């Protein structure tokens, strides 16, 4: 096996572990969002707390927009062509999955809970 193949296998394993971890975090987030946030982060650690409900909703929409933008950009043919022209075609799907995991991690950790 060549060095490039070994790097591809090692990277694939790391991305797989990241995807499994992110999937577990997403399941916890969707099943118990309020208890997860309160137990995980003390109130003073929140990055930017908005009193206004509309600002919380806008911040959450921006996080989802970041996820959509990441998906759209990495799925664009010019990005695929760029990676293939650099000899990184084998890593194309790995970058896509890693980018998705990082965007989901950002949503899970940065979502603003809306007070009822």
C-alpha atoms as a PDB file:
ATOM      1  CA  UNK A   1       0.000   0.000   0.000  1.00  0.00           C
ATOM      2  CA  UNK A   2       1.173   3.473  -0.790  1.00  0.00           C
ATOM      3  CA  UNK A   3       1.495   6.296   1.699  1.00  0.00           C
ATOM      4  CA  UNK A   4      -1.558   8.009   0.199  1.00  0.00           C
ATOM      5  CA  UNK A   5      -3.652   4.867   0.726  1.00  0.00           C
ATOM      6  CA  UNK A   6      -2.522   4.593   4.361  1.00  0.00           C
ATOM      7  CA  UNK A   7      -3.385   8.250   4.984  1.00  0.00           C
ATOM      8  CA  UNK A   8      -6.777   7.746   3.332  1.00  0.00           C
ATOM      9  CA  UNK A   9      -7.563   4.743   5.544  1.00  0.00           C
ATOM     10  CA  UNK A  10      -6.425   6.515   8.725  1.00  0.00           C
ATOM     11  CA  UNK A  11      -8.403   9.638   7.812  1.00  0.00           C
ATOM     12  CA  UNK A  12     -11.480   7.546   7.006  1.00  0.00           C
ATOM     13  CA  UNK A  13     -11.315   5.899  10.428  1.00  0.00           C
ATOM     14  CA  UNK A  14     -10.968   9.244  12.190  1.00  0.00           C
ATOM     15  CA  UNK A  15     -13.893  10.723  10.250  1.00  0.00           C
ATOM     16  CA  UNK A  16     -15.979   7.621  10.997  1.00  0.00           C
ATOM     17  CA  UNK A  17     -15.326   8.024  14.731  1.00  0.00           C
ATOM     18  CA  UNK A  18     -16.186  11.717  14.498  1.00  0.00           C
ATOM     19  CA  UNK A  19     -19.446  10.873  12.679  1.00  0.00           C
ATOM     20  CA  UNK A  20     -20.413   8.278  15.294  1.00  0.00           C
ATOM     21  CA  UNK A  21     -19.661  10.724  18.124  1.00  0.00           C
ATOM     22  CA  UNK A  22     -21.632  13.488  16.391  1.00  0.00           C
ATOM     23  CA  UNK A  23     -24.571  11.165  15.789  1.00  0.00           C
ATOM     24  CA  UNK A  24     -24.628  10.298  19.495  1.00  0.00           C
ATOM     25  CA  UNK A  25     -24.510  13.986  20.413  1.00  0.00           C
ATOM     26  CA  UNK A  26     -27.301  14.757  17.959  1.00  0.00           C
ATOM     27  CA  UNK A  27     -29.523  12.011  19.393  1.00  0.00           C
ATOM     28  CA  UNK A  28     -28.960  13.369  22.920  1.00  0.00           C
ATOM     29  CA  UNK A  29     -29.565  16.902  21.725  1.00  0.00           C
ATOM     30  CA  UNK A  30     -32.838  16.031  20.002  1.00  0.00           C
ATOM     31  CA  UNK A  31     -34.134  13.850  22.818  1.00  0.00           C
ATOM     32  CA  UNK A  32     -33.335  16.091  25.788  1.00  0.00           C
ATOM     33  CA  UNK A  33     -32.255  19.512  24.596  1.00  0.00           C
ATOM     34  CA  UNK A  34     -33.039  21.563  27.705  1.00  0.00           C
ATOM     35  CA  UNK A  35     -31.634  19.123  30.243  1.00  0.00           C
ATOM     36  CA  UNK A  36     -28.519  18.573  28.131  1.00  0.00           C
ATOM     37  CA  UNK A  37     -27.799  22.294  27.923  1.00  0.00           C
ATOM     38  CA  UNK A  38     -28.368  22.942  31.620  1.00  0.00           C
ATOM     39  CA  UNK A  39     -26.258  20.022  32.799  1.00  0.00           C
ATOM     40  CA  UNK A  40     -23.471  20.547  30.339  1.00  0.00           C
ATOM     41  CA  UNK A  41     -22.874  24.266  30.525  1.00  0.00           C
ATOM     42  CA  UNK A  42     -23.224  26.518  33.555  1.00  0.00           C
ATOM     43  CA  UNK A  43     -25.267  29.652  32.757  1.00  0.00           C
ATOM     44  CA  UNK A  44     -22.208  31.905  32.680  1.00  0.00           C
ATOM     45  CA  UNK A  45     -20.511  29.882  29.926  1.00  0.00           C
ATOM     46  CA  UNK A  46     -23.141  30.519  27.234  1.00  0.00           C
ATOM     47  CA  UNK A  47     -21.714  32.492  24.388  1.00  0.00           C
ATOM     48  CA  UNK A  48     -24.050  35.411  23.927  1.00  0.00           C
ATOM     49  CA  UNK A  49     -27.386  35.115  25.645  1.00  0.00           C
ATOM     50  CA  UNK A  50     -30.216  36.950  23.940  1.00  0.00           C
ATOM     51  CA  UNK A  51     -33.171  38.111  25.999  1.00  0.00           C
ATOM     52  CA  UNK A  52     -35.304  38.650  22.905  1.00  0.00           C
ATOM     53  CA  UNK A  53     -36.954  35.528  21.483  1.00  0.00           C
ATOM     54  CA  UNK A  54     -36.584  36.806  17.918  1.00  0.00           C
ATOM     55  CA  UNK A  55     -32.811  37.128  18.309  1.00  0.00           C
ATOM     56  CA  UNK A  56     -32.615  33.561  19.623  1.00  0.00           C
ATOM     57  CA  UNK A  57     -34.614  32.328  16.639  1.00  0.00           C
ATOM     58  CA  UNK A  58     -32.443  34.372  14.258  1.00  0.00           C
ATOM     59  CA  UNK A  59     -29.254  32.935  15.793  1.00  0.00           C
ATOM     60  CA  UNK A  60     -30.607  29.386  15.412  1.00  0.00           C
ATOM     61  CA  UNK A  61     -31.620  30.058  11.799  1.00  0.00           C
ATOM     62  CA  UNK A  62     -28.092  31.315  11.111  1.00  0.00           C
ATOM     63  CA  UNK A  63     -26.650  28.082  12.552  1.00  0.00           C
ATOM     64  CA  UNK A  64     -28.883  25.996  10.293  1.00  0.00           C
ATOM     65  CA  UNK A  65     -27.965  28.295   7.395  1.00  0.00           C
ATOM     66  CA  UNK A  66     -24.288  27.576   8.090  1.00  0.00           C
ATOM     67  CA  UNK A  67     -25.048  23.843   7.838  1.00  0.00           C
ATOM     68  CA  UNK A  68     -26.916  24.334   4.537  1.00  0.00           C
ATOM     69  CA  UNK A  69     -24.140  26.535   3.147  1.00  0.00           C
ATOM     70  CA  UNK A  70     -21.518  23.941   4.045  1.00  0.00           C
ATOM     71  CA  UNK A  71     -23.530  21.223   2.288  1.00  0.00           C
ATOM     72  CA  UNK A  72     -24.105  23.329  -0.800  1.00  0.00           C
ATOM     73  CA  UNK A  73     -20.513  24.474  -1.168  1.00  0.00           C
ATOM     74  CA  UNK A  74     -18.956  21.059  -0.662  1.00  0.00           C
ATOM     75  CA  UNK A  75     -21.389  19.472  -3.103  1.00  0.00           C
ATOM     76  CA  UNK A  76     -20.652  22.015  -5.841  1.00  0.00           C
ATOM     77  CA  UNK A  77     -18.976  20.578  -8.983  1.00  0.00           C
ATOM     78  CA  UNK A  78     -16.181  23.174  -8.886  1.00  0.00           C
ATOM     79  CA  UNK A  79     -15.114  21.981  -5.414  1.00  0.00           C
ATOM     80  CA  UNK A  80     -15.130  18.384  -6.637  1.00  0.00           C
ATOM     81  CA  UNK A  81     -13.079  19.383  -9.678  1.00  0.00           C
ATOM     82  CA  UNK A  82     -10.616  21.317  -7.469  1.00  0.00           C
ATOM     83  CA  UNK A  83     -10.072  18.299  -5.201  1.00  0.00           C
ATOM     84  CA  UNK A  84      -9.721  15.920  -8.153  1.00  0.00           C
ATOM     85  CA  UNK A  85      -7.232  18.212  -9.896  1.00  0.00           C
ATOM     86  CA  UNK A  86      -5.076  18.258  -6.746  1.00  0.00           C
ATOM     87  CA  UNK A  87      -5.127  14.469  -6.476  1.00  0.00           C
ATOM     88  CA  UNK A  88      -7.425  14.529  -3.464  1.00  0.00           C
ATOM     89  CA  UNK A  89     -10.441  12.926  -5.132  1.00  0.00           C
ATOM     90  CA  UNK A  90     -10.261  10.002  -2.718  1.00  0.00           C
ATOM     91  CA  UNK A  91     -10.686  12.432   0.185  1.00  0.00           C
ATOM     92  CA  UNK A  92     -13.673  14.256  -1.314  1.00  0.00           C
ATOM     93  CA  UNK A  93     -16.315  12.295   0.583  1.00  0.00           C
ATOM     94  CA  UNK A  94     -14.239  12.364   3.769  1.00  0.00           C
ATOM     95  CA  UNK A  95     -14.073  16.167   3.665  1.00  0.00           C
ATOM     96  CA  UNK A  96     -17.810  16.299   3.027  1.00  0.00           C
ATOM     97  CA  UNK A  97     -18.602  14.039   5.987  1.00  0.00           C
ATOM     98  CA  UNK A  98     -16.156  15.847   8.266  1.00  0.00           C
ATOM     99  CA  UNK A  99     -17.618  19.215   7.289  1.00  0.00           C
ATOM    100  CA  UNK A 100     -21.120  17.915   8.012  1.00  0.00           C
ATOM    101  CA  UNK A 101     -20.033  16.630  11.417  1.00  0.00           C
ATOM    102  CA  UNK A 102     -18.388  19.914  12.338  1.00  0.00           C
ATOM    103  CA  UNK A 103     -21.445  21.905  11.221  1.00  0.00           C
ATOM    104  CA  UNK A 104     -23.734  19.629  13.269  1.00  0.00           C
ATOM    105  CA  UNK A 105     -21.406  19.947  16.263  1.00  0.00           C
ATOM    106  CA  UNK A 106     -21.715  23.711  15.945  1.00  0.00           C
ATOM    107  CA  UNK A 107     -25.513  23.460  15.888  1.00  0.00           C
ATOM    108  CA  UNK A 108     -25.601  21.147  18.901  1.00  0.00           C
ATOM    109  CA  UNK A 109     -23.243  23.193  21.033  1.00  0.00           C
ATOM    110  CA  UNK A 110     -24.338  26.696  20.004  1.00  0.00           C
ATOM    111  CA  UNK A 111     -28.112  26.492  19.695  1.00  0.00           C
ATOM    112  CA  UNK A 112     -29.896  29.055  21.829  1.00  0.00           C
ATOM    113  CA  UNK A 113     -32.742  27.540  23.855  1.00  0.00           C
ATOM    114  CA  UNK A 114     -35.938  29.531  23.488  1.00  0.00           C
ATOM    115  CA  UNK A 115     -37.544  30.294  26.808  1.00  0.00           C
ATOM    116  CA  UNK A 116     -41.236  29.522  26.992  1.00  0.00           C
END
